[in-house]
C-alpha cells in the first residue's frame, strides 16, 4: 500500500554528509523525472537511485510535491547565481528578459522534468513546503538585482511578482504545446516592457510608491 504523504515540513540536513545525501536524492529525482515524468516516478525508485533508505527519503521529502519543489528550488538557485546588476550600457529590462528567456530554453530542453517541477510548485502549500517560499524569494531577488533596485517599494514588489507570474504562465503554456518558443519570447518581452516601465528606478519614473 503506498505511503500517505505527511502534512509536515521537510527535515533540514545539518551535517555535510546529510547535505550530500540530500543532493544525491535531488539529482536522482531530476534524472528520473526527465525520463518518465512526474506521475511515473515512484519514491522508492528515487531512494534506490540515490542509494538511500526509503525512510531517509521521506524524512527530507514527505511527498513528491516536497521533493520536486526542492528540485525546482535547486534549479532556481542556479538562475539566481546568473543574475547580476546591470552594466552602465545595458538596459535592465532587456537583461531581465534575457535571463527569463535563457531559463525558459533550459527548462524546455527537459520538458518532463520542467512539468514535474512546475506542477509540484503549484501544488505546494507554503505552510508545509518551505522550498515554495524560497523559490519565490530567489526569483524576486534575482529580478531586483538585475533591475538595480536595492530597496524595492511595495509597487516594485507587485510589478516584479506580476512579471514572474506571467513567466510561469507562458512557460506552462509552452510545456503544454499551446504556444511556441517564438511566442514565449515576444510575450515575455512585452510583459517585461509594460510592467517594469513602472518600476521606481525607471527613467523619468514618477509613479507613486504603492
N, C-alpha and C. Protein backbone atom coordinates (compact mmCIF):
# COMPACT_ATOMS: atom_id res chain seq x y z
N UNK A 1 0.86 -1.20 0.00
CA UNK A 1 0.00 0.00 0.00
C UNK A 1 0.88 1.24 0.00
N UNK A 2 0.65 2.21 -0.91
CA UNK A 2 1.50 3.39 -0.96
C UNK A 2 1.42 4.21 0.31
N UNK A 3 2.54 4.81 0.67
CA UNK A 3 2.60 5.63 1.86
C UNK A 3 1.89 6.96 1.63
N UNK A 4 1.10 7.38 2.61
CA UNK A 4 0.39 8.65 2.52
C UNK A 4 1.32 9.76 2.96
N UNK A 5 1.41 10.81 2.16
CA UNK A 5 2.30 11.92 2.49
C UNK A 5 1.85 12.62 3.76
N UNK A 6 2.81 12.98 4.59
CA UNK A 6 2.51 13.67 5.83
C UNK A 6 2.45 15.18 5.59
N UNK A 7 1.49 15.84 6.28
CA UNK A 7 1.37 17.30 6.17
C UNK A 7 2.31 17.94 7.19
N UNK A 8 3.59 17.88 6.92
CA UNK A 8 4.59 18.45 7.82
C UNK A 8 5.74 19.00 6.98
N UNK A 9 6.49 19.95 7.53
CA UNK A 9 7.66 20.45 6.81
C UNK A 9 8.72 19.37 6.69
N UNK A 10 9.53 19.46 5.65
CA UNK A 10 10.62 18.51 5.47
C UNK A 10 11.72 18.79 6.48
N UNK A 11 12.44 17.73 6.90
CA UNK A 11 13.58 17.89 7.79
C UNK A 11 14.71 18.58 7.04
N UNK A 12 15.48 19.38 7.75
CA UNK A 12 16.60 20.10 7.14
C UNK A 12 17.90 19.36 7.45
N UNK A 13 18.72 19.07 6.43
CA UNK A 13 20.01 18.42 6.70
C UNK A 13 20.94 19.39 7.43
N UNK A 14 21.71 18.86 8.37
CA UNK A 14 22.60 19.71 9.15
C UNK A 14 24.08 19.42 8.87
N UNK A 15 24.46 18.16 8.79
CA UNK A 15 25.86 17.81 8.55
C UNK A 15 26.17 17.81 7.06
N UNK A 16 27.46 17.84 6.73
CA UNK A 16 27.87 17.77 5.33
C UNK A 16 27.44 16.46 4.69
N UNK A 17 27.49 15.40 5.47
CA UNK A 17 27.06 14.09 4.96
C UNK A 17 25.58 14.10 4.60
N UNK A 18 24.77 14.70 5.48
CA UNK A 18 23.34 14.78 5.22
C UNK A 18 23.05 15.65 4.00
N UNK A 19 23.78 16.75 3.86
CA UNK A 19 23.59 17.62 2.70
C UNK A 19 23.97 16.91 1.41
N UNK A 20 25.05 16.12 1.45
CA UNK A 20 25.45 15.36 0.27
C UNK A 20 24.39 14.32 -0.08
N UNK A 21 23.81 13.71 0.94
CA UNK A 21 22.76 12.71 0.73
C UNK A 21 21.54 13.37 0.10
N UNK A 22 21.20 14.56 0.58
CA UNK A 22 20.06 15.27 0.01
C UNK A 22 20.31 15.64 -1.45
N UNK A 23 21.54 16.07 -1.76
CA UNK A 23 21.86 16.40 -3.16
C UNK A 23 21.74 15.18 -4.05
N UNK A 24 22.16 14.02 -3.56
CA UNK A 24 22.02 12.79 -4.35
C UNK A 24 20.55 12.49 -4.63
N UNK A 25 19.72 12.72 -3.64
CA UNK A 25 18.28 12.48 -3.81
C UNK A 25 17.71 13.42 -4.88
N UNK A 26 18.09 14.69 -4.82
CA UNK A 26 17.58 15.66 -5.79
C UNK A 26 18.05 15.33 -7.21
N UNK A 27 19.32 14.92 -7.34
CA UNK A 27 19.83 14.54 -8.67
C UNK A 27 19.10 13.31 -9.19
N UNK A 28 18.88 12.34 -8.31
CA UNK A 28 18.18 11.12 -8.73
C UNK A 28 16.75 11.44 -9.17
N UNK A 29 16.07 12.26 -8.39
CA UNK A 29 14.69 12.63 -8.73
C UNK A 29 14.63 13.37 -10.06
N UNK A 30 15.55 14.31 -10.27
CA UNK A 30 15.58 15.07 -11.52
C UNK A 30 15.82 14.16 -12.71
N UNK A 31 16.75 13.22 -12.56
CA UNK A 31 17.05 12.30 -13.65
C UNK A 31 15.87 11.41 -14.00
N UNK A 32 15.20 10.89 -13.00
CA UNK A 32 14.05 10.01 -13.24
C UNK A 32 12.88 10.79 -13.85
N UNK A 33 12.64 11.99 -13.36
CA UNK A 33 11.52 12.79 -13.89
C UNK A 33 11.78 13.19 -15.33
N UNK A 34 13.04 13.48 -15.67
CA UNK A 34 13.37 13.86 -17.05
C UNK A 34 13.08 12.71 -18.02
N UNK A 35 13.17 11.48 -17.52
CA UNK A 35 12.92 10.31 -18.36
C UNK A 35 11.45 9.88 -18.37
N UNK A 36 10.78 10.01 -17.20
CA UNK A 36 9.46 9.40 -17.04
C UNK A 36 8.31 10.38 -16.85
N UNK A 37 8.59 11.56 -16.34
CA UNK A 37 7.52 12.47 -15.96
C UNK A 37 7.09 12.22 -14.53
N UNK A 38 6.39 13.18 -13.95
CA UNK A 38 6.06 13.14 -12.52
C UNK A 38 5.25 11.92 -12.13
N UNK A 39 4.20 11.61 -12.86
CA UNK A 39 3.29 10.54 -12.46
C UNK A 39 3.96 9.17 -12.42
N UNK A 40 4.97 8.96 -13.24
CA UNK A 40 5.61 7.65 -13.31
C UNK A 40 6.85 7.54 -12.43
N UNK A 41 7.15 8.57 -11.69
CA UNK A 41 8.27 8.50 -10.74
C UNK A 41 7.72 8.03 -9.40
N UNK A 42 8.28 6.95 -8.88
CA UNK A 42 7.90 6.43 -7.58
C UNK A 42 8.97 6.76 -6.56
N UNK A 43 8.55 7.06 -5.34
CA UNK A 43 9.51 7.44 -4.30
C UNK A 43 10.53 6.34 -4.03
N UNK A 44 10.11 5.09 -4.08
CA UNK A 44 11.07 4.01 -3.81
C UNK A 44 12.12 3.92 -4.91
N UNK A 45 11.75 4.31 -6.15
CA UNK A 45 12.74 4.33 -7.23
C UNK A 45 13.76 5.45 -7.01
N UNK A 46 13.29 6.58 -6.51
CA UNK A 46 14.20 7.69 -6.21
C UNK A 46 15.18 7.27 -5.11
N UNK A 47 14.66 6.63 -4.06
CA UNK A 47 15.51 6.19 -2.96
C UNK A 47 16.57 5.20 -3.45
N UNK A 48 16.14 4.27 -4.28
CA UNK A 48 17.07 3.27 -4.82
C UNK A 48 18.14 3.93 -5.68
N UNK A 49 17.73 4.84 -6.56
CA UNK A 49 18.66 5.52 -7.46
C UNK A 49 19.67 6.37 -6.66
N UNK A 50 19.20 6.97 -5.58
CA UNK A 50 20.07 7.82 -4.76
C UNK A 50 20.90 7.04 -3.76
N UNK A 51 20.56 5.76 -3.58
CA UNK A 51 21.31 4.93 -2.63
C UNK A 51 21.01 5.26 -1.18
N UNK A 52 19.74 5.60 -0.90
CA UNK A 52 19.35 5.90 0.48
C UNK A 52 18.15 5.03 0.86
N UNK A 53 17.93 4.90 2.15
CA UNK A 53 16.77 4.17 2.64
C UNK A 53 15.51 4.98 2.36
N UNK A 54 14.40 4.29 2.16
CA UNK A 54 13.14 4.99 1.87
C UNK A 54 12.75 5.89 3.04
N UNK A 55 13.06 5.48 4.27
CA UNK A 55 12.74 6.31 5.44
C UNK A 55 13.53 7.62 5.41
N UNK A 56 14.77 7.55 4.92
CA UNK A 56 15.59 8.75 4.80
C UNK A 56 14.99 9.71 3.79
N UNK A 57 14.54 9.17 2.67
CA UNK A 57 13.92 9.99 1.63
C UNK A 57 12.69 10.71 2.18
N UNK A 58 11.83 9.97 2.89
CA UNK A 58 10.61 10.58 3.41
C UNK A 58 10.89 11.57 4.54
N UNK A 59 12.01 11.41 5.24
CA UNK A 59 12.34 12.36 6.29
C UNK A 59 12.63 13.74 5.69
N UNK A 60 13.36 13.74 4.58
CA UNK A 60 13.69 15.01 3.92
C UNK A 60 12.56 15.50 3.04
N UNK A 61 11.83 14.56 2.43
CA UNK A 61 10.78 14.92 1.47
C UNK A 61 9.54 14.07 1.74
N UNK A 62 8.60 14.57 2.55
CA UNK A 62 7.42 13.79 2.93
C UNK A 62 6.50 13.41 1.77
N UNK A 63 6.66 14.04 0.60
CA UNK A 63 5.82 13.72 -0.55
C UNK A 63 6.56 14.08 -1.83
N UNK A 64 6.00 13.67 -2.95
CA UNK A 64 6.60 14.05 -4.24
C UNK A 64 6.50 15.56 -4.46
N UNK A 65 5.48 16.17 -3.90
CA UNK A 65 5.37 17.63 -4.01
C UNK A 65 6.56 18.30 -3.32
N UNK A 66 6.89 17.84 -2.10
CA UNK A 66 8.07 18.36 -1.41
C UNK A 66 9.33 18.12 -2.25
N UNK A 67 9.44 16.93 -2.78
CA UNK A 67 10.65 16.53 -3.50
C UNK A 67 10.88 17.38 -4.74
N UNK A 68 9.87 17.52 -5.58
CA UNK A 68 10.08 18.21 -6.84
C UNK A 68 10.00 19.74 -6.71
N UNK A 69 9.40 20.22 -5.63
CA UNK A 69 9.53 21.64 -5.34
C UNK A 69 10.97 21.94 -4.96
N UNK A 70 11.60 21.02 -4.22
CA UNK A 70 13.02 21.18 -3.86
C UNK A 70 13.91 21.09 -5.09
N UNK A 71 13.57 20.21 -6.03
CA UNK A 71 14.32 20.13 -7.28
C UNK A 71 14.23 21.47 -8.01
N UNK A 72 13.04 22.05 -8.05
CA UNK A 72 12.88 23.35 -8.71
C UNK A 72 13.67 24.44 -7.99
N UNK A 73 13.67 24.40 -6.66
CA UNK A 73 14.43 25.40 -5.89
C UNK A 73 15.90 25.34 -6.25
N UNK A 74 16.41 24.14 -6.45
CA UNK A 74 17.82 23.98 -6.83
C UNK A 74 18.08 24.58 -8.21
N UNK A 75 17.13 24.40 -9.13
CA UNK A 75 17.26 24.97 -10.47
C UNK A 75 17.20 26.50 -10.41
N UNK A 76 16.29 27.03 -9.60
CA UNK A 76 16.15 28.48 -9.48
C UNK A 76 17.38 29.08 -8.81
N UNK A 77 18.00 28.33 -7.92
CA UNK A 77 19.23 28.80 -7.28
C UNK A 77 20.33 29.04 -8.32
N UNK A 78 20.39 28.16 -9.32
CA UNK A 78 21.36 28.35 -10.40
C UNK A 78 21.02 29.59 -11.21
N UNK A 79 19.72 29.81 -11.44
CA UNK A 79 19.26 31.01 -12.13
C UNK A 79 19.65 32.26 -11.34
N UNK A 80 19.45 32.21 -10.03
CA UNK A 80 19.77 33.34 -9.16
C UNK A 80 21.24 33.71 -9.24
N UNK A 81 22.11 32.71 -9.40
CA UNK A 81 23.55 32.97 -9.48
C UNK A 81 23.93 33.69 -10.77
N UNK A 82 23.09 33.55 -11.81
CA UNK A 82 23.36 34.20 -13.09
C UNK A 82 22.94 35.67 -13.10
N UNK A 83 22.09 36.04 -12.14
CA UNK A 83 21.54 37.40 -12.12
C UNK A 83 22.59 38.37 -11.58
N UNK A 84 22.93 39.36 -12.38
CA UNK A 84 23.94 40.35 -12.00
C UNK A 84 23.35 41.74 -12.15
N UNK A 85 23.83 42.70 -11.34
CA UNK A 85 23.38 44.10 -11.54
C UNK A 85 23.69 44.55 -12.96
N UNK A 86 22.86 45.39 -13.55
CA UNK A 86 23.06 45.79 -14.95
C UNK A 86 24.33 46.62 -15.13
N UNK A 87 24.96 46.46 -16.29
CA UNK A 87 26.10 47.32 -16.65
C UNK A 87 25.56 48.70 -17.01
N UNK A 88 26.45 49.68 -17.02
CA UNK A 88 26.03 51.05 -17.31
C UNK A 88 25.47 51.18 -18.73
N UNK A 89 25.94 50.31 -19.65
CA UNK A 89 25.48 50.39 -21.04
C UNK A 89 24.37 49.38 -21.35
N UNK A 90 23.81 48.77 -20.33
CA UNK A 90 22.83 47.71 -20.52
C UNK A 90 21.45 48.16 -20.05
N UNK A 91 20.43 47.86 -20.86
CA UNK A 91 19.05 48.13 -20.46
C UNK A 91 18.64 47.05 -19.44
N UNK A 92 18.30 47.45 -18.20
CA UNK A 92 17.96 46.46 -17.18
C UNK A 92 16.78 45.57 -17.56
N UNK A 93 15.80 46.15 -18.24
CA UNK A 93 14.63 45.36 -18.63
C UNK A 93 15.02 44.29 -19.65
N UNK A 94 15.90 44.65 -20.60
CA UNK A 94 16.39 43.65 -21.55
C UNK A 94 17.15 42.55 -20.83
N UNK A 95 17.91 42.92 -19.80
CA UNK A 95 18.67 41.93 -19.04
C UNK A 95 17.74 40.94 -18.34
N UNK A 96 16.65 41.44 -17.78
CA UNK A 96 15.67 40.57 -17.13
C UNK A 96 15.04 39.63 -18.17
N UNK A 97 14.68 40.19 -19.32
CA UNK A 97 14.10 39.37 -20.40
C UNK A 97 15.04 38.24 -20.80
N UNK A 98 16.31 38.57 -20.98
CA UNK A 98 17.27 37.55 -21.42
C UNK A 98 17.43 36.46 -20.37
N UNK A 99 17.43 36.85 -19.09
CA UNK A 99 17.53 35.85 -18.03
C UNK A 99 16.34 34.90 -18.05
N UNK A 100 15.13 35.45 -18.18
CA UNK A 100 13.93 34.62 -18.21
C UNK A 100 13.89 33.74 -19.46
N UNK A 101 14.33 34.29 -20.58
CA UNK A 101 14.33 33.50 -21.82
C UNK A 101 15.36 32.38 -21.77
N UNK A 102 16.54 32.68 -21.22
CA UNK A 102 17.57 31.65 -21.07
C UNK A 102 17.07 30.52 -20.17
N UNK A 103 16.39 30.90 -19.11
CA UNK A 103 15.83 29.91 -18.19
C UNK A 103 14.73 29.09 -18.87
N UNK A 104 13.93 29.75 -19.69
CA UNK A 104 12.86 29.06 -20.40
C UNK A 104 13.44 28.01 -21.34
N UNK A 105 14.46 28.39 -22.10
CA UNK A 105 15.08 27.43 -23.03
C UNK A 105 15.66 26.24 -22.29
N UNK A 106 16.29 26.52 -21.16
CA UNK A 106 16.89 25.45 -20.37
C UNK A 106 15.82 24.49 -19.86
N UNK A 107 14.71 25.03 -19.36
CA UNK A 107 13.64 24.19 -18.84
C UNK A 107 12.96 23.40 -19.95
N UNK A 108 12.74 24.03 -21.09
CA UNK A 108 12.07 23.35 -22.20
C UNK A 108 12.94 22.26 -22.81
N UNK A 109 14.24 22.29 -22.54
CA UNK A 109 15.12 21.22 -23.06
C UNK A 109 14.85 19.89 -22.36
N UNK A 110 14.22 19.94 -21.17
CA UNK A 110 13.83 18.73 -20.44
C UNK A 110 12.37 18.91 -20.01
N UNK A 111 11.45 18.79 -20.96
CA UNK A 111 10.06 19.15 -20.69
C UNK A 111 9.38 18.32 -19.60
N UNK A 112 9.68 17.03 -19.51
CA UNK A 112 9.05 16.21 -18.48
C UNK A 112 9.49 16.64 -17.08
N UNK A 113 10.76 16.95 -16.94
CA UNK A 113 11.26 17.44 -15.66
C UNK A 113 10.66 18.81 -15.34
N UNK A 114 10.63 19.69 -16.33
CA UNK A 114 10.06 21.02 -16.11
C UNK A 114 8.60 20.93 -15.68
N UNK A 115 7.84 20.06 -16.31
CA UNK A 115 6.43 19.88 -15.95
C UNK A 115 6.29 19.36 -14.52
N UNK A 116 7.17 18.43 -14.15
CA UNK A 116 7.14 17.88 -12.78
C UNK A 116 7.40 18.97 -11.76
N UNK A 117 8.37 19.82 -12.04
CA UNK A 117 8.70 20.89 -11.10
C UNK A 117 7.58 21.92 -11.03
N UNK A 118 7.06 22.33 -12.18
CA UNK A 118 6.01 23.34 -12.20
C UNK A 118 4.75 22.84 -11.50
N UNK A 119 4.37 21.61 -11.79
CA UNK A 119 3.17 21.05 -11.19
C UNK A 119 3.31 20.97 -9.67
N UNK A 120 4.48 20.54 -9.21
CA UNK A 120 4.71 20.42 -7.77
C UNK A 120 4.72 21.78 -7.10
N UNK A 121 5.33 22.77 -7.74
CA UNK A 121 5.39 24.10 -7.14
C UNK A 121 3.99 24.71 -7.03
N UNK A 122 3.14 24.46 -8.02
CA UNK A 122 1.77 24.97 -7.98
C UNK A 122 1.00 24.32 -6.83
N UNK A 123 1.24 23.03 -6.59
CA UNK A 123 0.51 22.30 -5.56
C UNK A 123 1.06 22.53 -4.16
N UNK A 124 2.27 23.09 -4.06
CA UNK A 124 2.94 23.21 -2.77
C UNK A 124 2.22 24.19 -1.85
N UNK A 125 1.97 23.75 -0.63
CA UNK A 125 1.39 24.61 0.40
C UNK A 125 2.54 25.26 1.16
N UNK A 126 2.55 26.58 1.17
CA UNK A 126 3.67 27.30 1.79
C UNK A 126 3.84 26.98 3.27
N UNK A 127 2.77 26.51 3.92
CA UNK A 127 2.85 26.20 5.35
C UNK A 127 3.69 24.95 5.61
N UNK A 128 3.76 24.05 4.65
CA UNK A 128 4.48 22.80 4.88
C UNK A 128 5.62 22.56 3.89
N UNK A 129 5.65 23.30 2.79
CA UNK A 129 6.71 23.13 1.80
C UNK A 129 7.55 24.40 1.77
N UNK A 130 8.59 24.41 2.59
CA UNK A 130 9.41 25.62 2.74
C UNK A 130 10.05 26.07 1.44
N UNK A 131 10.36 25.12 0.56
CA UNK A 131 11.05 25.47 -0.68
C UNK A 131 10.19 26.34 -1.58
N UNK A 132 8.87 26.27 -1.45
CA UNK A 132 7.99 27.12 -2.27
C UNK A 132 8.24 28.59 -1.97
N UNK A 133 8.41 28.91 -0.70
CA UNK A 133 8.70 30.29 -0.30
C UNK A 133 10.09 30.69 -0.80
N UNK A 134 11.05 29.77 -0.70
CA UNK A 134 12.42 30.08 -1.13
C UNK A 134 12.47 30.34 -2.63
N UNK A 135 11.69 29.60 -3.41
CA UNK A 135 11.65 29.82 -4.86
C UNK A 135 11.17 31.24 -5.16
N UNK A 136 10.07 31.64 -4.54
CA UNK A 136 9.53 33.00 -4.76
C UNK A 136 10.56 34.05 -4.37
N UNK A 137 11.21 33.85 -3.24
CA UNK A 137 12.19 34.82 -2.74
C UNK A 137 13.37 34.95 -3.69
N UNK A 138 13.91 33.81 -4.16
CA UNK A 138 15.05 33.84 -5.06
C UNK A 138 14.70 34.48 -6.39
N UNK A 139 13.52 34.16 -6.93
CA UNK A 139 13.11 34.74 -8.20
C UNK A 139 12.99 36.26 -8.10
N UNK A 140 12.33 36.72 -7.03
CA UNK A 140 12.18 38.16 -6.85
C UNK A 140 13.52 38.85 -6.69
N UNK A 141 14.40 38.27 -5.87
CA UNK A 141 15.71 38.88 -5.63
C UNK A 141 16.54 38.94 -6.91
N UNK A 142 16.45 37.90 -7.73
CA UNK A 142 17.21 37.87 -8.98
C UNK A 142 16.77 39.02 -9.90
N UNK A 143 15.45 39.22 -10.01
CA UNK A 143 14.95 40.28 -10.89
C UNK A 143 15.31 41.65 -10.34
N UNK A 144 15.15 41.85 -9.04
CA UNK A 144 15.51 43.14 -8.45
C UNK A 144 16.99 43.44 -8.64
N UNK A 145 17.83 42.44 -8.51
CA UNK A 145 19.27 42.63 -8.69
C UNK A 145 19.57 43.09 -10.11
N UNK A 146 18.91 42.48 -11.09
CA UNK A 146 19.17 42.84 -12.48
C UNK A 146 18.59 44.21 -12.82
N UNK A 147 17.58 44.62 -12.08
CA UNK A 147 17.00 45.95 -12.29
C UNK A 147 17.77 47.04 -11.54
N UNK A 148 18.68 46.61 -10.67
CA UNK A 148 19.44 47.58 -9.89
C UNK A 148 18.63 48.23 -8.79
N UNK A 149 17.61 47.51 -8.30
CA UNK A 149 16.76 48.03 -7.22
C UNK A 149 17.18 47.39 -5.91
N UNK A 150 17.77 48.17 -5.03
CA UNK A 150 18.24 47.65 -3.75
C UNK A 150 17.17 47.71 -2.66
N UNK A 151 16.31 48.70 -2.74
CA UNK A 151 15.24 48.86 -1.75
C UNK A 151 13.91 48.99 -2.48
N UNK A 152 13.32 47.86 -2.87
CA UNK A 152 12.08 47.91 -3.65
C UNK A 152 10.92 48.49 -2.87
N UNK A 153 10.11 49.27 -3.56
CA UNK A 153 8.87 49.79 -2.97
C UNK A 153 7.80 48.69 -3.05
N UNK A 154 6.67 48.95 -2.38
CA UNK A 154 5.56 48.00 -2.46
C UNK A 154 5.09 47.83 -3.91
N UNK A 155 5.13 48.92 -4.66
CA UNK A 155 4.74 48.85 -6.08
C UNK A 155 5.74 48.01 -6.86
N UNK A 156 7.03 48.17 -6.59
CA UNK A 156 8.05 47.35 -7.25
C UNK A 156 7.79 45.86 -7.01
N UNK A 157 7.48 45.53 -5.77
CA UNK A 157 7.24 44.12 -5.42
C UNK A 157 6.07 43.56 -6.22
N UNK A 158 5.01 44.36 -6.33
CA UNK A 158 3.84 43.90 -7.11
C UNK A 158 4.19 43.73 -8.58
N UNK A 159 4.92 44.68 -9.13
CA UNK A 159 5.27 44.62 -10.56
C UNK A 159 6.14 43.41 -10.87
N UNK A 160 7.15 43.17 -10.04
CA UNK A 160 8.04 42.03 -10.28
C UNK A 160 7.29 40.72 -10.08
N UNK A 161 6.42 40.66 -9.09
CA UNK A 161 5.60 39.45 -8.90
C UNK A 161 4.74 39.17 -10.12
N UNK A 162 4.19 40.22 -10.72
CA UNK A 162 3.38 40.05 -11.93
C UNK A 162 4.23 39.54 -13.10
N UNK A 163 5.43 40.06 -13.24
CA UNK A 163 6.33 39.59 -14.30
C UNK A 163 6.61 38.10 -14.13
N UNK A 164 6.91 37.69 -12.91
CA UNK A 164 7.23 36.29 -12.65
C UNK A 164 6.01 35.40 -12.88
N UNK A 165 4.83 35.87 -12.46
CA UNK A 165 3.62 35.08 -12.70
C UNK A 165 3.34 34.95 -14.19
N UNK A 166 3.58 36.03 -14.94
CA UNK A 166 3.43 35.95 -16.40
C UNK A 166 4.38 34.93 -16.98
N UNK A 167 5.63 34.95 -16.49
CA UNK A 167 6.62 34.00 -16.99
C UNK A 167 6.19 32.56 -16.69
N UNK A 168 5.72 32.29 -15.48
CA UNK A 168 5.25 30.95 -15.14
C UNK A 168 4.12 30.53 -16.09
N UNK A 169 3.20 31.45 -16.34
CA UNK A 169 2.08 31.12 -17.21
C UNK A 169 2.51 30.81 -18.63
N UNK A 170 3.44 31.60 -19.16
CA UNK A 170 3.94 31.35 -20.52
C UNK A 170 4.73 30.05 -20.59
N UNK A 171 5.50 29.78 -19.54
CA UNK A 171 6.26 28.53 -19.51
C UNK A 171 5.31 27.33 -19.49
N UNK A 172 4.26 27.42 -18.69
CA UNK A 172 3.27 26.34 -18.64
C UNK A 172 2.61 26.13 -20.00
N UNK A 173 2.26 27.23 -20.66
CA UNK A 173 1.63 27.12 -21.98
C UNK A 173 2.58 26.50 -22.99
N UNK A 174 3.87 26.86 -22.91
CA UNK A 174 4.85 26.28 -23.83
C UNK A 174 5.02 24.79 -23.57
N UNK A 175 5.04 24.40 -22.30
CA UNK A 175 5.18 22.98 -21.95
C UNK A 175 3.97 22.18 -22.42
N UNK A 176 2.80 22.82 -22.44
CA UNK A 176 1.57 22.15 -22.88
C UNK A 176 1.38 22.21 -24.39
N UNK A 177 2.33 22.82 -25.10
CA UNK A 177 2.25 22.88 -26.55
C UNK A 177 1.28 23.92 -27.08
N UNK A 178 0.88 24.86 -26.23
CA UNK A 178 -0.10 25.85 -26.65
C UNK A 178 0.53 27.03 -27.37
N UNK A 179 1.78 27.35 -27.01
CA UNK A 179 2.48 28.43 -27.70
C UNK A 179 3.90 27.98 -28.01
N UNK A 180 4.49 28.60 -29.03
CA UNK A 180 5.85 28.26 -29.43
C UNK A 180 6.86 29.07 -28.65
N UNK A 181 8.13 28.69 -28.75
CA UNK A 181 9.19 29.44 -28.09
C UNK A 181 9.25 30.86 -28.66
N UNK A 182 8.98 31.00 -29.94
CA UNK A 182 8.97 32.33 -30.55
C UNK A 182 7.90 33.20 -29.91
N UNK A 183 6.72 32.63 -29.66
CA UNK A 183 5.65 33.37 -28.99
C UNK A 183 6.03 33.71 -27.55
N UNK A 184 6.68 32.76 -26.88
CA UNK A 184 7.13 33.00 -25.50
C UNK A 184 8.05 34.22 -25.46
N UNK A 185 8.98 34.28 -26.41
CA UNK A 185 9.92 35.40 -26.43
C UNK A 185 9.21 36.73 -26.62
N UNK A 186 8.27 36.77 -27.56
CA UNK A 186 7.53 38.01 -27.82
C UNK A 186 6.75 38.44 -26.58
N UNK A 187 6.09 37.48 -25.93
CA UNK A 187 5.22 37.82 -24.81
C UNK A 187 6.01 38.17 -23.56
N UNK A 188 7.14 37.50 -23.34
CA UNK A 188 7.97 37.86 -22.18
C UNK A 188 8.51 39.27 -22.34
N UNK A 189 8.98 39.59 -23.54
CA UNK A 189 9.49 40.95 -23.77
C UNK A 189 8.39 41.99 -23.60
N UNK A 190 7.18 41.67 -24.07
CA UNK A 190 6.06 42.60 -23.92
C UNK A 190 5.70 42.79 -22.45
N UNK A 191 5.59 41.68 -21.72
CA UNK A 191 5.22 41.76 -20.30
C UNK A 191 6.26 42.54 -19.50
N UNK A 192 7.53 42.24 -19.73
CA UNK A 192 8.60 42.95 -19.02
C UNK A 192 8.60 44.43 -19.37
N UNK A 193 8.45 44.73 -20.66
CA UNK A 193 8.47 46.12 -21.09
C UNK A 193 7.34 46.93 -20.49
N UNK A 194 6.14 46.36 -20.46
CA UNK A 194 4.99 47.09 -19.95
C UNK A 194 5.03 47.24 -18.43
N UNK A 195 5.32 46.14 -17.75
CA UNK A 195 5.25 46.15 -16.29
C UNK A 195 6.44 46.86 -15.64
N UNK A 196 7.63 46.57 -16.14
CA UNK A 196 8.82 47.11 -15.49
C UNK A 196 9.09 48.57 -15.83
N UNK A 197 8.38 49.08 -16.83
CA UNK A 197 8.49 50.52 -17.13
C UNK A 197 7.95 51.36 -15.98
N UNK A 198 7.14 50.75 -15.12
CA UNK A 198 6.54 51.48 -14.00
C UNK A 198 7.32 51.30 -12.70
N UNK A 199 8.51 50.70 -12.76
CA UNK A 199 9.30 50.47 -11.53
C UNK A 199 9.84 51.80 -10.99
N UNK A 200 10.26 51.78 -9.75
CA UNK A 200 10.65 53.02 -9.07
C UNK A 200 11.90 53.67 -9.64
N UNK A 201 12.83 52.88 -10.20
CA UNK A 201 14.07 53.47 -10.72
C UNK A 201 14.09 53.58 -12.24
N UNK A 202 12.90 53.48 -12.86
CA UNK A 202 12.83 53.64 -14.31
C UNK A 202 13.12 55.11 -14.67
N UNK A 203 13.69 55.35 -15.84
CA UNK A 203 13.95 56.75 -16.25
C UNK A 203 12.67 57.57 -16.24
N UNK A 204 12.74 58.74 -15.63
CA UNK A 204 11.62 59.67 -15.56
C UNK A 204 10.39 59.08 -14.89
N UNK A 205 10.64 58.13 -13.96
CA UNK A 205 9.52 57.47 -13.29
C UNK A 205 8.97 58.36 -12.18
N UNK A 206 7.67 58.64 -12.27
CA UNK A 206 7.04 59.49 -11.26
C UNK A 206 5.85 58.83 -10.61
N UNK A 207 5.74 57.47 -10.79
CA UNK A 207 4.60 56.75 -10.22
C UNK A 207 4.69 56.73 -8.70
N UNK A 208 3.56 56.61 -8.01
CA UNK A 208 3.56 56.55 -6.54
C UNK A 208 4.23 55.28 -6.05
N UNK A 209 4.67 55.29 -4.81
CA UNK A 209 5.41 54.15 -4.25
C UNK A 209 4.53 52.96 -3.94
N UNK A 210 3.24 53.13 -3.84
CA UNK A 210 2.37 51.99 -3.58
C UNK A 210 0.99 52.19 -4.22
